[in-house]
PDB file of N, CA and C in Angstrom:
ATOM      1  N   GLN A   1      80.215  83.679 110.056  1.00  0.00           N
ATOM      2  CA  GLN A   1      81.397  83.733 109.711  1.00  0.00           C
ATOM      3  C   GLN A   1      81.636  84.319 108.109  1.00  0.00           C
ATOM      4  N   VAL A   2      82.619  85.612 108.020  1.00  0.00           N
ATOM      5  CA  VAL A   2      82.624  86.266 107.136  1.00  0.00           C
ATOM      6  C   VAL A   2      83.452  85.317 105.938  1.00  0.00           C
ATOM      7  N   GLN A   3      82.983  85.332 104.693  1.00  0.00           N
ATOM      8  CA  GLN A   3      84.037  84.449 103.885  1.00  0.00           C
ATOM      9  C   GLN A   3      84.000  85.341 102.463  1.00  0.00           C
ATOM     10  N   LEU A   4      85.312  85.614 102.016  1.00  0.00           N
ATOM     11  CA  LEU A   4      84.846  86.317 100.771  1.00  0.00           C
ATOM     12  C   LEU A   4      85.444  85.349  99.590  1.00  0.00           C
ATOM     13  N   VAL A   5      84.855  85.192  98.589  1.00  0.00           N
ATOM     14  CA  VAL A   5      84.742  84.123  97.434  1.00  0.00           C
ATOM     15  C   VAL A   5      85.249  84.783  96.161  1.00  0.00           C
ATOM     16  N   GLU A   6      86.658  84.382  95.844  1.00  0.00           N
ATOM     17  CA  GLU A   6      87.053  85.034  94.423  1.00  0.00           C
ATOM     18  C   GLU A   6      86.781  84.065  93.373  1.00  0.00           C
ATOM     19  N   SER A   7      86.826  84.647  92.131  1.00  0.00           N
ATOM     20  CA  SER A   7      86.324  83.885  91.099  1.00  0.00           C
ATOM     21  C   SER A   7      87.224  84.421  89.772  1.00  0.00           C
ATOM     22  N   GLY A   8      87.282  83.709  88.614  1.00  0.00           N
ATOM     23  CA  GLY A   8      87.584  84.162  87.576  1.00  0.00           C
ATOM     24  C   GLY A   8      89.100  84.001  87.026  1.00  0.00           C
ATOM     25  N   GLY A   9      89.835  83.228  87.891  1.00  0.00           N
ATOM     26  CA  GLY A   9      91.143  82.951  87.697  1.00  0.00           C
ATOM     27  C   GLY A   9      91.208  81.887  86.415  1.00  0.00           C
ATOM     28  N   GLY A  10      92.631  81.693  86.003  1.00  0.00           N
ATOM     29  CA  GLY A  10      92.801  80.658  85.140  1.00  0.00           C
ATOM     30  C   GLY A  10      94.223  80.741  84.356  1.00  0.00           C
ATOM     31  N   LEU A  11      94.140  79.882  83.140  1.00  0.00           N
ATOM     32  CA  LEU A  11      95.649  80.209  82.379  1.00  0.00           C
ATOM     33  C   LEU A  11      95.056  81.234  81.103  1.00  0.00           C
ATOM     34  N   VAL A  12      96.028  81.742  81.078  1.00  0.00           N
ATOM     35  CA  VAL A  12      95.868  82.697  79.737  1.00  0.00           C
ATOM     36  C   VAL A  12      97.354  82.990  79.333  1.00  0.00           C
ATOM     37  N   GLN A  13      97.199  83.426  77.964  1.00  0.00           N
ATOM     38  CA  GLN A  13      98.706  83.400  77.334  1.00  0.00           C
ATOM     39  C   GLN A  13      99.098  85.030  77.591  1.00  0.00           C
ATOM     40  N   ALA A  14     100.287  85.337  77.626  1.00  0.00           N
ATOM     41  CA  ALA A  14     101.184  86.611  77.973  1.00  0.00           C
ATOM     42  C   ALA A  14     100.340  87.340  76.720  1.00  0.00           C
ATOM     43  N   GLY A  15      99.884  88.423  77.463  1.00  0.00           N
ATOM     44  CA  GLY A  15      99.254  89.614  76.516  1.00  0.00           C
ATOM     45  C   GLY A  15      98.005  89.681  76.523  1.00  0.00           C
ATOM     46  N   GLY A  16      97.106  88.604  77.128  1.00  0.00           N
ATOM     47  CA  GLY A  16      95.979  88.402  77.446  1.00  0.00           C
ATOM     48  C   GLY A  16      95.230  88.861  78.775  1.00  0.00           C
ATOM     49  N   SER A  17      94.017  88.834  78.740  1.00  0.00           N
ATOM     50  CA  SER A  17      93.256  89.487  79.876  1.00  0.00           C
ATOM     51  C   SER A  17      92.647  88.420  80.864  1.00  0.00           C
ATOM     52  N   LEU A  18      92.144  88.775  81.904  1.00  0.00           N
ATOM     53  CA  LEU A  18      91.243  88.075  82.749  1.00  0.00           C
ATOM     54  C   LEU A  18      90.505  89.201  83.657  1.00  0.00           C
ATOM     55  N   ARG A  19      89.505  88.750  84.151  1.00  0.00           N
ATOM     56  CA  ARG A  19      88.695  89.745  85.364  1.00  0.00           C
ATOM     57  C   ARG A  19      88.370  88.642  86.280  1.00  0.00           C
ATOM     58  N   LEU A  20      88.957  89.115  87.391  1.00  0.00           N
ATOM     59  CA  LEU A  20      88.776  88.365  88.607  1.00  0.00           C
ATOM     60  C   LEU A  20      87.483  89.162  89.388  1.00  0.00           C
ATOM     61  N   SER A  21      86.740  88.590  90.397  1.00  0.00           N
ATOM     62  CA  SER A  21      85.723  88.845  90.905  1.00  0.00           C
ATOM     63  C   SER A  21      85.816  88.452  92.237  1.00  0.00           C
ATOM     64  N   CYS A  22      85.337  89.311  93.209  1.00  0.00           N
ATOM     65  CA  CYS A  22      85.104  88.978  94.710  1.00  0.00           C
ATOM     66  C   CYS A  22      83.760  89.251  95.346  1.00  0.00           C
ATOM     67  N   ALA A  23      83.404  88.374  95.650  1.00  0.00           N
ATOM     68  CA  ALA A  23      82.139  88.463  96.386  1.00  0.00           C
ATOM     69  C   ALA A  23      82.024  87.991  97.758  1.00  0.00           C
ATOM     70  N   THR A  24      81.123  87.878  98.529  1.00  0.00           N
ATOM     71  CA  THR A  24      80.684  87.326  99.953  1.00  0.00           C
ATOM     72  C   THR A  24      79.848  86.011  99.578  1.00  0.00           C
ATOM     73  N   SER A  25      80.275  85.450 100.495  1.00  0.00           N
ATOM     74  CA  SER A  25      79.185  84.117 100.676  1.00  0.00           C
ATOM     75  C   SER A  25      77.988  84.073 101.615  1.00  0.00           C
ATOM     76  N   GLY A  26      78.242  85.136 102.715  1.00  0.00           N
ATOM     77  CA  GLY A  26      76.860  85.492 103.446  1.00  0.00           C
ATOM     78  C   GLY A  26      76.185  86.497 103.135  1.00  0.00           C
ATOM     79  N   ARG A  27      75.045  86.425 103.509  1.00  0.00           N
ATOM     80  CA  ARG A  27      74.103  87.589 103.252  1.00  0.00           C
ATOM     81  C   ARG A  27      74.123  88.882 104.321  1.00  0.00           C
ATOM     82  N   THR A  28      74.773  88.626 105.597  1.00  0.00           N
ATOM     83  CA  THR A  28      75.015  89.506 106.801  1.00  0.00           C
ATOM     84  C   THR A  28      76.056  90.372 106.423  1.00  0.00           C
ATOM     85  N   PHE A  29      77.135  90.236 105.704  1.00  0.00           N
ATOM     86  CA  PHE A  29      78.335  91.010 105.691  1.00  0.00           C
ATOM     87  C   PHE A  29      78.144  91.445 104.030  1.00  0.00           C
ATOM     88  N   ARG A  30      78.070  92.762 104.252  1.00  0.00           N
ATOM     89  CA  ARG A  30      77.879  93.789 102.921  1.00  0.00           C
ATOM     90  C   ARG A  30      79.337  94.405 102.845  1.00  0.00           C
ATOM     91  N   LEU A  31      79.689  93.693 101.426  1.00  0.00           N
ATOM     92  CA  LEU A  31      81.030  94.056 101.036  1.00  0.00           C
ATOM     93  C   LEU A  31      81.199  95.713 100.660  1.00  0.00           C
ATOM     94  N   SER A  32      79.915  96.038 100.090  1.00  0.00           N
ATOM     95  CA  SER A  32      79.893  97.521  99.847  1.00  0.00           C
ATOM     96  C   SER A  32      80.255  98.427 100.837  1.00  0.00           C
ATOM     97  N   SER A  33      80.153  98.265 102.231  1.00  0.00           N
ATOM     98  CA  SER A  33      80.706  98.998 103.296  1.00  0.00           C
ATOM     99  C   SER A  33      81.902  98.754 103.782  1.00  0.00           C
ATOM    100  N   TYR A  34      82.946  97.888 102.939  1.00  0.00           N
ATOM    101  CA  TYR A  34      84.261  97.790 103.303  1.00  0.00           C
ATOM    102  C   TYR A  34      85.263  98.731 101.968  1.00  0.00           C
ATOM    103  N   ALA A  35      86.400  98.592 102.278  1.00  0.00           N
ATOM    104  CA  ALA A  35      87.571  98.807 101.322  1.00  0.00           C
ATOM    105  C   ALA A  35      88.030  97.487 101.019  1.00  0.00           C
ATOM    106  N   VAL A  36      88.270  97.495  99.817  1.00  0.00           N
ATOM    107  CA  VAL A  36      88.727  96.219  99.331  1.00  0.00           C
ATOM    108  C   VAL A  36      90.272  96.079  98.664  1.00  0.00           C
ATOM    109  N   GLY A  37      90.980  95.173  98.925  1.00  0.00           N
ATOM    110  CA  GLY A  37      92.163  95.240  98.326  1.00  0.00           C
ATOM    111  C   GLY A  37      92.489  93.665  97.397  1.00  0.00           C
ATOM    112  N   TRP A  38      93.033  93.805  96.554  1.00  0.00           N
ATOM    113  CA  TRP A  38      93.447  92.458  95.890  1.00  0.00           C
ATOM    114  C   TRP A  38      95.009  92.301  95.997  1.00  0.00           C
ATOM    115  N   PHE A  39      95.471  91.326  96.494  1.00  0.00           N
ATOM    116  CA  PHE A  39      96.817  91.060  96.758  1.00  0.00           C
ATOM    117  C   PHE A  39      97.153  89.487  95.855  1.00  0.00           C
ATOM    118  N   ARG A  40      98.573  89.153  95.841  1.00  0.00           N
ATOM    119  CA  ARG A  40      98.816  88.267  95.100  1.00  0.00           C
ATOM    120  C   ARG A  40      99.962  87.331  95.737  1.00  0.00           C
ATOM    121  N   GLN A  41     100.247  85.932  95.594  1.00  0.00           N
ATOM    122  CA  GLN A  41     101.168  85.527  96.337  1.00  0.00           C
ATOM    123  C   GLN A  41     101.822  84.404  95.259  1.00  0.00           C
ATOM    124  N   ALA A  42     103.128  84.661  94.804  1.00  0.00           N
ATOM    125  CA  ALA A  42     103.822  83.799  93.804  1.00  0.00           C
ATOM    126  C   ALA A  42     104.623  82.782  94.607  1.00  0.00           C
ATOM    127  N   PRO A  43     104.805  81.645  94.070  1.00  0.00           N
ATOM    128  CA  PRO A  43     105.530  80.528  94.551  1.00  0.00           C
ATOM    129  C   PRO A  43     106.735  81.104  95.340  1.00  0.00           C
ATOM    130  N   GLY A  44     107.167  80.866  96.651  1.00  0.00           N
ATOM    131  CA  GLY A  44     108.321  81.410  97.251  1.00  0.00           C
ATOM    132  C   GLY A  44     108.362  82.977  97.391  1.00  0.00           C
ATOM    133  N   LYS A  45     107.422  83.620  97.284  1.00  0.00           N
ATOM    134  CA  LYS A  45     107.426  84.828  97.325  1.00  0.00           C
ATOM    135  C   LYS A  45     106.308  85.406  98.809  1.00  0.00           C
ATOM    136  N   GLU A  46     106.557  86.589  99.187  1.00  0.00           N
ATOM    137  CA  GLU A  46     105.477  87.217 100.185  1.00  0.00           C
ATOM    138  C   GLU A  46     104.279  87.431  99.188  1.00  0.00           C
ATOM    139  N   ARG A  47     103.282  87.576  99.957  1.00  0.00           N
ATOM    140  CA  ARG A  47     102.133  88.011  99.349  1.00  0.00           C
ATOM    141  C   ARG A  47     102.197  89.685  99.475  1.00  0.00           C
ATOM    142  N   GLU A  48     101.745  90.118  98.280  1.00  0.00           N
ATOM    143  CA  GLU A  48     101.882  91.615  97.917  1.00  0.00           C
ATOM    144  C   GLU A  48     100.800  92.275  97.544  1.00  0.00           C
ATOM    145  N   GLY A  49     100.245  93.532  97.673  1.00  0.00           N
ATOM    146  CA  GLY A  49      99.131  94.036  97.510  1.00  0.00           C
ATOM    147  C   GLY A  49      99.341  94.597  95.753  1.00  0.00           C
ATOM    148  N   VAL A  50      98.157  94.268  95.102  1.00  0.00           N
ATOM    149  CA  VAL A  50      98.374  94.949  93.839  1.00  0.00           C
ATOM    150  C   VAL A  50      97.232  96.099  93.808  1.00  0.00           C
ATOM    151  N   ALA A  51      96.073  96.234  94.512  1.00  0.00           N
ATOM    152  CA  ALA A  51      95.026  97.172  93.978  1.00  0.00           C
ATOM    153  C   ALA A  51      94.285  97.473  95.482  1.00  0.00           C
ATOM    154  N   ALA A  52      93.799  98.393  95.568  1.00  0.00           N
ATOM    155  CA  ALA A  52      92.950  98.784  96.349  1.00  0.00           C
ATOM    156  C   ALA A  52      91.892  99.661  96.097  1.00  0.00           C
ATOM    157  N   ILE A  53      90.673  99.526  96.513  1.00  0.00           N
ATOM    158  CA  ILE A  53      89.569 100.513  96.365  1.00  0.00           C
ATOM    159  C   ILE A  53      88.675 100.849  97.592  1.00  0.00           C
ATOM    160  N   ARG A  54      88.360 102.180  97.714  1.00  0.00           N
ATOM    161  CA  ARG A  54      87.534 102.581  98.711  1.00  0.00           C
ATOM    162  C   ARG A  54      86.171 102.083  98.682  1.00  0.00           C
ATOM    163  N   SER A  55      85.169 102.014  99.747  1.00  0.00           N
ATOM    164  CA  SER A  55      83.800 101.373  99.737  1.00  0.00           C
ATOM    165  C   SER A  55      82.948 102.240  98.718  1.00  0.00           C
ATOM    166  N   THR A  56      83.215 103.475  98.482  1.00  0.00           N
ATOM    167  CA  THR A  56      82.213 104.112  97.473  1.00  0.00           C
ATOM    168  C   THR A  56      82.904 103.947  96.186  1.00  0.00           C
ATOM    169  N   GLY A  57      84.008 103.429  95.953  1.00  0.00           N
ATOM    170  CA  GLY A  57      84.813 103.194  94.470  1.00  0.00           C
ATOM    171  C   GLY A  57      85.060 104.473  94.118  1.00  0.00           C
ATOM    172  N   GLY A  58      85.261 105.690  95.080  1.00  0.00           N
ATOM    173  CA  GLY A  58      85.933 106.871  94.432  1.00  0.00           C
ATOM    174  C   GLY A  58      87.401 107.078  94.452  1.00  0.00           C
ATOM    175  N   SER A  59      87.907 106.235  95.237  1.00  0.00           N
ATOM    176  CA  SER A  59      89.496 106.220  95.029  1.00  0.00           C
ATOM    177  C   SER A  59      90.056 104.983  95.055  1.00  0.00           C
ATOM    178  N   THR A  60      91.018 104.632  94.208  1.00  0.00           N
ATOM    179  CA  THR A  60      91.939 103.703  94.214  1.00  0.00           C
ATOM    180  C   THR A  60      93.476 103.703  94.280  1.00  0.00           C
ATOM    181  N   THR A  61      94.158 102.654  94.511  1.00  0.00           N
ATOM    182  CA  THR A  61      95.580 102.879  94.379  1.00  0.00           C
ATOM    183  C   THR A  61      95.925 101.482  93.719  1.00  0.00           C
ATOM    184  N   TYR A  62      97.362 101.389  93.127  1.00  0.00           N
ATOM    185  CA  TYR A  62      97.809 100.437  92.575  1.00  0.00           C
ATOM    186  C   TYR A  62      99.340 100.195  92.651  1.00  0.00           C
ATOM    187  N   GLU A  63      99.710  98.900  92.803  1.00  0.00           N
ATOM    188  CA  GLU A  63     101.349  98.881  92.980  1.00  0.00           C
ATOM    189  C   GLU A  63     101.744  99.061  91.773  1.00  0.00           C
ATOM    190  N   ASP A  64     103.227  99.458  91.948  1.00  0.00           N
ATOM    191  CA  ASP A  64     103.626 100.019  90.699  1.00  0.00           C
ATOM    192  C   ASP A  64     103.761  99.178  89.031  1.00  0.00           C
ATOM    193  N   SER A  65     103.862  97.725  89.467  1.00  0.00           N
ATOM    194  CA  SER A  65     104.335  96.872  88.176  1.00  0.00           C
ATOM    195  C   SER A  65     102.740  96.862  87.700  1.00  0.00           C
ATOM    196  N   VAL A  66     101.664  96.915  88.025  1.00  0.00           N
ATOM    197  CA  VAL A  66     100.608  96.682  87.655  1.00  0.00           C
ATOM    198  C   VAL A  66      99.671  98.040  87.020  1.00  0.00           C
ATOM    199  N   LYS A  67     100.236  99.149  87.232  1.00  0.00           N
ATOM    200  CA  LYS A  67      99.521 100.673  86.880  1.00  0.00           C
ATOM    201  C   LYS A  67      99.453 100.717  85.613  1.00  0.00           C
ATOM    202  N   GLY A  68      98.419 100.782  84.938  1.00  0.00           N
ATOM    203  CA  GLY A  68      98.249 101.153  83.304  1.00  0.00           C
ATOM    204  C   GLY A  68      97.815  99.812  82.800  1.00  0.00           C
ATOM    205  N   ARG A  69      97.768  98.736  83.732  1.00  0.00           N
ATOM    206  CA  ARG A  69      97.484  97.261  83.077  1.00  0.00           C
ATOM    207  C   ARG A  69      96.416  96.543  83.970  1.00  0.00           C
ATOM    208  N   PHE A  70      96.001  97.099  85.020  1.00  0.00           N
ATOM    209  CA  PHE A  70      95.217  96.275  86.114  1.00  0.00           C
ATOM    210  C   PHE A  70      94.085  97.367  86.248  1.00  0.00           C
ATOM    211  N   ILE A  71      92.843  96.996  86.551  1.00  0.00           N
ATOM    212  CA  ILE A  71      91.742  98.016  86.996  1.00  0.00           C
ATOM    213  C   ILE A  71      90.798  97.522  88.038  1.00  0.00           C
ATOM    214  N   ILE A  72      91.169  98.169  89.105  1.00  0.00           N
ATOM    215  CA  ILE A  72      90.244  97.618  90.213  1.00  0.00           C
ATOM    216  C   ILE A  72      88.927  98.703  90.238  1.00  0.00           C
ATOM    217  N   SER A  73      87.630  97.865  90.427  1.00  0.00           N
ATOM    218  CA  SER A  73      86.377  98.529  90.320  1.00  0.00           C
ATOM    219  C   SER A  73      85.360  97.839  91.490  1.00  0.00           C
ATOM    220  N   ARG A  74      84.196  98.363  91.524  1.00  0.00           N
ATOM    221  CA  ARG A  74      83.175  97.898  92.259  1.00  0.00           C
ATOM    222  C   ARG A  74      81.917  97.881  91.716  1.00  0.00           C
ATOM    223  N   ASP A  75      80.981  96.849  91.962  1.00  0.00           N
ATOM    224  CA  ASP A  75      79.463  97.265  91.574  1.00  0.00           C
ATOM    225  C   ASP A  75      78.857  96.927  92.987  1.00  0.00           C
ATOM    226  N   ASN A  76      78.397  98.360  93.778  1.00  0.00           N
ATOM    227  CA  ASN A  76      77.956  97.959  95.000  1.00  0.00           C
ATOM    228  C   ASN A  76      76.605  97.240  95.190  1.00  0.00           C
ATOM    229  N   ALA A  77      75.778  97.818  93.968  1.00  0.00           N
ATOM    230  CA  ALA A  77      74.506  97.062  94.089  1.00  0.00           C
ATOM    231  C   ALA A  77      74.702  95.690  94.042  1.00  0.00           C
ATOM    232  N   LYS A  78      75.760  94.967  93.338  1.00  0.00           N
ATOM    233  CA  LYS A  78      76.096  93.531  93.376  1.00  0.00           C
ATOM    234  C   LYS A  78      76.647  93.179  94.277  1.00  0.00           C
ATOM    235  N   ASP A  79      77.192  93.871  95.110  1.00  0.00           N
ATOM    236  CA  ASP A  79      78.365  93.891  96.369  1.00  0.00           C
ATOM    237  C   ASP A  79      79.388  92.806  95.846  1.00  0.00           C
ATOM    238  N   THR A  80      80.081  93.049  94.736  1.00  0.00           N
ATOM    239  CA  THR A  80      81.162  92.766  94.257  1.00  0.00           C
ATOM    240  C   THR A  80      82.121  93.307  93.724  1.00  0.00           C
ATOM    241  N   VAL A  81      83.693  93.030  93.785  1.00  0.00           N
ATOM    242  CA  VAL A  81      84.610  93.868  93.415  1.00  0.00           C
ATOM    243  C   VAL A  81      85.217  93.154  92.391  1.00  0.00           C
ATOM    244  N   TYR A  82      85.895  93.905  91.371  1.00  0.00           N
ATOM    245  CA  TYR A  82      86.603  93.391  90.229  1.00  0.00           C
ATOM    246  C   TYR A  82      87.969  93.759  90.077  1.00  0.00           C
ATOM    247  N   LEU A  83      88.748  92.852  89.549  1.00  0.00           N
ATOM    248  CA  LEU A  83      90.121  93.135  89.177  1.00  0.00           C
ATOM    249  C   LEU A  83      90.394  92.718  87.918  1.00  0.00           C
ATOM    250  N   GLN A  84      90.012  93.844  86.915  1.00  0.00           N
ATOM    251  CA  GLN A  84      90.183  93.647  85.431  1.00  0.00           C
ATOM    252  C   GLN A  84      92.039  93.720  85.080  1.00  0.00           C
ATOM    253  N   MET A  85      92.229  92.367  84.761  1.00  0.00           N
ATOM    254  CA  MET A  85      93.912  92.397  84.451  1.00  0.00           C
ATOM    255  C   MET A  85      93.999  92.418  82.851  1.00  0.00           C
ATOM    256  N   ASN A  86      94.842  93.436  82.417  1.00  0.00           N
ATOM    257  CA  ASN A  86      95.156  93.387  80.857  1.00  0.00           C
ATOM    258  C   ASN A  86      96.752  93.429  80.696  1.00  0.00           C
ATOM    259  N   ARG A  87      97.082  93.167  79.562  1.00  0.00           N
ATOM    260  CA  ARG A  87      98.275  92.888  79.168  1.00  0.00           C
ATOM    261  C   ARG A  87      99.025  91.950  80.082  1.00  0.00           C
ATOM    262  N   LEU A  88      98.572  90.822  80.181  1.00  0.00           N
ATOM    263  CA  LEU A  88      99.334  89.987  81.236  1.00  0.00           C
ATOM    264  C   LEU A  88     100.567  89.511  80.968  1.00  0.00           C
ATOM    265  N   LYS A  89     101.416  89.645  82.195  1.00  0.00           N
ATOM    266  CA  LYS A  89     103.047  88.873  81.637  1.00  0.00           C
ATOM    267  C   LYS A  89     102.940  87.598  82.516  1.00  0.00           C
ATOM    268  N   PRO A  90     104.090  86.911  82.200  1.00  0.00           N
ATOM    269  CA  PRO A  90     104.156  85.760  83.077  1.00  0.00           C
ATOM    270  C   PRO A  90     104.773  85.863  84.590  1.00  0.00           C
ATOM    271  N   GLU A  91     105.280  87.197  85.061  1.00  0.00           N
ATOM    272  CA  GLU A  91     105.484  87.276  86.274  1.00  0.00           C
ATOM    273  C   GLU A  91     104.250  87.703  86.967  1.00  0.00           C
ATOM    274  N   ASP A  92     103.106  87.906  86.334  1.00  0.00           N
ATOM    275  CA  ASP A  92     101.701  88.216  87.126  1.00  0.00           C
ATOM    276  C   ASP A  92     101.391  86.735  87.438  1.00  0.00           C
ATOM    277  N   THR A  93     101.873  85.625  87.317  1.00  0.00           N
ATOM    278  CA  THR A  93     101.582  84.282  87.745  1.00  0.00           C
ATOM    279  C   THR A  93     101.449  84.341  89.298  1.00  0.00           C
ATOM    280  N   ALA A  94     100.566  84.026  89.711  1.00  0.00           N
ATOM    281  CA  ALA A  94     100.237  84.190  91.078  1.00  0.00           C
ATOM    282  C   ALA A  94      98.966  83.406  91.577  1.00  0.00           C
ATOM    283  N   VAL A  95      98.625  83.427  92.942  1.00  0.00           N
ATOM    284  CA  VAL A  95      97.595  83.027  93.470  1.00  0.00           C
ATOM    285  C   VAL A  95      96.797  84.463  93.959  1.00  0.00           C
ATOM    286  N   TYR A  96      95.706  85.107  93.600  1.00  0.00           N
ATOM    287  CA  TYR A  96      95.039  86.194  93.629  1.00  0.00           C
ATOM    288  C   TYR A  96      94.029  85.981  95.045  1.00  0.00           C
ATOM    289  N   TYR A  97      94.314  87.096  95.739  1.00  0.00           N
ATOM    290  CA  TYR A  97      93.309  86.997  97.061  1.00  0.00           C
ATOM    291  C   TYR A  97      92.520  88.377  96.929  1.00  0.00           C
ATOM    292  N   CYS A  98      91.441  88.338  97.352  1.00  0.00           N
ATOM    293  CA  CYS A  98      90.653  89.602  97.885  1.00  0.00           C
ATOM    294  C   CYS A  98      90.804  89.711  99.260  1.00  0.00           C
ATOM    295  N   ALA A  99      90.562  90.713  99.887  1.00  0.00           N
ATOM    296  CA  ALA A  99      90.535  91.383 101.169  1.00  0.00           C
ATOM    297  C   ALA A  99      89.781  92.452 101.503  1.00  0.00           C
ATOM    298  N   ALA A 100      89.118  92.452 102.453  1.00  0.00           N
ATOM    299  CA  ALA A 100      88.297  93.745 103.004  1.00  0.00           C
ATOM    300  C   ALA A 100      88.724  94.033 104.360  1.00  0.00           C
ATOM    301  N   ARG A 101      88.644  95.370 104.677  1.00  0.00           N
ATOM    302  CA  ARG A 101      88.790  96.187 105.872  1.00  0.00           C
ATOM    303  C   ARG A 101      87.890  97.237 106.126  1.00  0.00           C
ATOM    304  N   ALA A 102      87.770  97.784 107.185  1.00  0.00           N
ATOM    305  CA  ALA A 102      86.973  98.860 107.410  1.00  0.00           C
ATOM    306  C   ALA A 102      87.660  99.913 106.656  1.00  0.00           C
ATOM    307  N   ASP A 103      86.896 101.148 106.232  1.00  0.00           N
ATOM    308  CA  ASP A 103      87.378 102.243 105.355  1.00  0.00           C
ATOM    309  C   ASP A 103      87.804 103.040 105.882  1.00  0.00           C
ATOM    310  N   TYR A 104      89.279 102.928 106.186  1.00  0.00           N
ATOM    311  CA  TYR A 104      89.907 104.161 106.828  1.00  0.00           C
ATOM    312  C   TYR A 104      90.884 104.781 105.946  1.00  0.00           C
ATOM    313  N   GLY A 105      90.615 104.121 104.696  1.00  0.00           N
ATOM    314  CA  GLY A 105      91.658 104.665 103.700  1.00  0.00           C
ATOM    315  C   GLY A 105      92.317 103.882 102.668  1.00  0.00           C
ATOM    316  N   LEU A 106      92.840 104.177 101.766  1.00  0.00           N
ATOM    317  CA  LEU A 106      93.324 103.353 100.976  1.00  0.00           C
ATOM    318  C   LEU A 106      95.055 102.514 101.452  1.00  0.00           C
ATOM    319  N   THR A 107      95.211 101.370 101.291  1.00  0.00           N
ATOM    320  CA  THR A 107      96.397 100.755 101.911  1.00  0.00           C
ATOM    321  C   THR A 107      96.720  99.505 100.914  1.00  0.00           C
ATOM    322  N   LEU A 108      97.787  99.076 100.501  1.00  0.00           N
ATOM    323  CA  LEU A 108      98.170  97.910 100.144  1.00  0.00           C
ATOM    324  C   LEU A 108      98.922  96.967 101.246  1.00  0.00           C
ATOM    325  N   ARG A 109      98.751  97.625 102.470  1.00  0.00           N
ATOM    326  CA  ARG A 109      99.487  96.986 103.321  1.00  0.00           C
ATOM    327  C   ARG A 109      98.867  95.362 103.910  1.00  0.00           C
ATOM    328  N   ARG A 110      99.256  94.452 103.813  1.00  0.00           N
ATOM    329  CA  ARG A 110      98.589  93.052 104.075  1.00  0.00           C
ATOM    330  C   ARG A 110      97.942  93.342 105.275  1.00  0.00           C
ATOM    331  N   GLY A 111      98.783  93.436 106.458  1.00  0.00           N
ATOM    332  CA  GLY A 111      98.370  93.396 107.758  1.00  0.00           C
ATOM    333  C   GLY A 111      97.080  94.200 108.114  1.00  0.00           C
ATOM    334  N   ALA A 112      97.035  95.404 107.391  1.00  0.00           N
ATOM    335  CA  ALA A 112      95.644  96.105 107.613  1.00  0.00           C
ATOM    336  C   ALA A 112      94.284  95.427 107.000  1.00  0.00           C
ATOM    337  N   TYR A 113      94.361  94.471 106.500  1.00  0.00           N
ATOM    338  CA  TYR A 113      93.030  93.392 105.891  1.00  0.00           C
ATOM    339  C   TYR A 113      92.633  92.610 106.904  1.00  0.00           C
ATOM    340  N   GLU A 114      91.276  92.513 107.266  1.00  0.00           N
ATOM    341  CA  GLU A 114      90.794  91.758 108.518  1.00  0.00           C
ATOM    342  C   GLU A 114      90.240  90.430 107.743  1.00  0.00           C
ATOM    343  N   TYR A 115      89.422  90.597 106.590  1.00  0.00           N
ATOM    344  CA  TYR A 115      88.846  89.471 105.886  1.00  0.00           C
ATOM    345  C   TYR A 115      89.606  89.288 104.777  1.00  0.00           C
ATOM    346  N   TRP A 116      89.505  87.788 104.403  1.00  0.00           N
ATOM    347  CA  TRP A 116      90.200  87.095 103.418  1.00  0.00           C
ATOM    348  C   TRP A 116      89.473  86.003 102.611  1.00  0.00           C
ATOM    349  N   GLY A 117      89.721  85.932 101.263  1.00  0.00           N
ATOM    350  CA  GLY A 117      89.172  84.879 100.663  1.00  0.00           C
ATOM    351  C   GLY A 117      90.247  84.017 100.492  1.00  0.00           C
ATOM    352  N   GLN A 118      89.757  82.694  99.824  1.00  0.00           N
ATOM    353  CA  GLN A 118      90.661  81.469  99.532  1.00  0.00           C
ATOM    354  C   GLN A 118      91.748  81.635  98.606  1.00  0.00           C
ATOM    355  N   GLY A 119      91.432  82.470  97.491  1.00  0.00           N
ATOM    356  CA  GLY A 119      92.409  82.605  96.733  1.00  0.00           C
ATOM    357  C   GLY A 119      92.018  82.023  95.287  1.00  0.00           C
ATOM    358  N   THR A 120      92.544  82.540  94.245  1.00  0.00           N
ATOM    359  CA  THR A 120      92.275  82.038  92.934  1.00  0.00           C
ATOM    360  C   THR A 120      93.524  82.226  91.953  1.00  0.00           C
ATOM    361  N   GLN A 121      93.733  80.912  91.489  1.00  0.00           N
ATOM    362  CA  GLN A 121      94.854  80.905  90.748  1.00  0.00           C
ATOM    363  C   GLN A 121      95.038  81.675  89.092  1.00  0.00           C
ATOM    364  N   VAL A 122      95.851  82.585  89.261  1.00  0.00           N
ATOM    365  CA  VAL A 122      95.977  83.014  87.824  1.00  0.00           C
ATOM    366  C   VAL A 122      97.557  82.492  87.080  1.00  0.00           C
ATOM    367  N   THR A 123      97.519  81.769  86.079  1.00  0.00           N
ATOM    368  CA  THR A 123      98.715  81.464  85.265  1.00  0.00           C
ATOM    369  C   THR A 123      98.840  82.179  84.128  1.00  0.00           C
ATOM    370  N   VAL A 124      99.884  82.697  83.794  1.00  0.00           N
ATOM    371  CA  VAL A 124     100.213  83.512  82.658  1.00  0.00           C
ATOM    372  C   VAL A 124     101.377  82.699  81.751  1.00  0.00           C
ATOM    373  N   SER A 125     101.131  82.144  80.779  1.00  0.00           N
ATOM    374  CA  SER A 125     102.049  81.371  79.960  1.00  0.00           C
ATOM    375  C   SER A 125     102.817  82.264  78.820  1.00  0.00           C
ATOM    376  N   SER A 126     104.136  82.038  78.774  1.00  0.00           N
ATOM    377  CA  SER A 126     105.007  83.078  77.903  1.00  0.00           C
ATOM    378  C   SER A 126     104.700  82.307  76.430  1.00  0.00           C
TER     379      SER A 126
END
């Protein structure tokens, strides 16, 4: 069973930074072969895509509200995908999820992703 594992969440003050990581718990699933997206869900809101990266890392896309502040990257040698979050705002507070899909291109559409992690909480205080 494929399981993605997020880490790096926590409590940070507004203007601060966090780096989230996404890896797999099994040895048979190679995250490096998949496009990966980061999503977030705030209380009472729909889960939304914030960033995605292709399997090679050569292309990325971002949701407008995080452009210029968040950076998605990957280290395929470590089979890990990262989300560097800078200049955090209270409205970034949410549970953050990583998800993987076969690499047919970039998308932030939630339904396009097949494999999901359990999420990590990010709280930004004002």
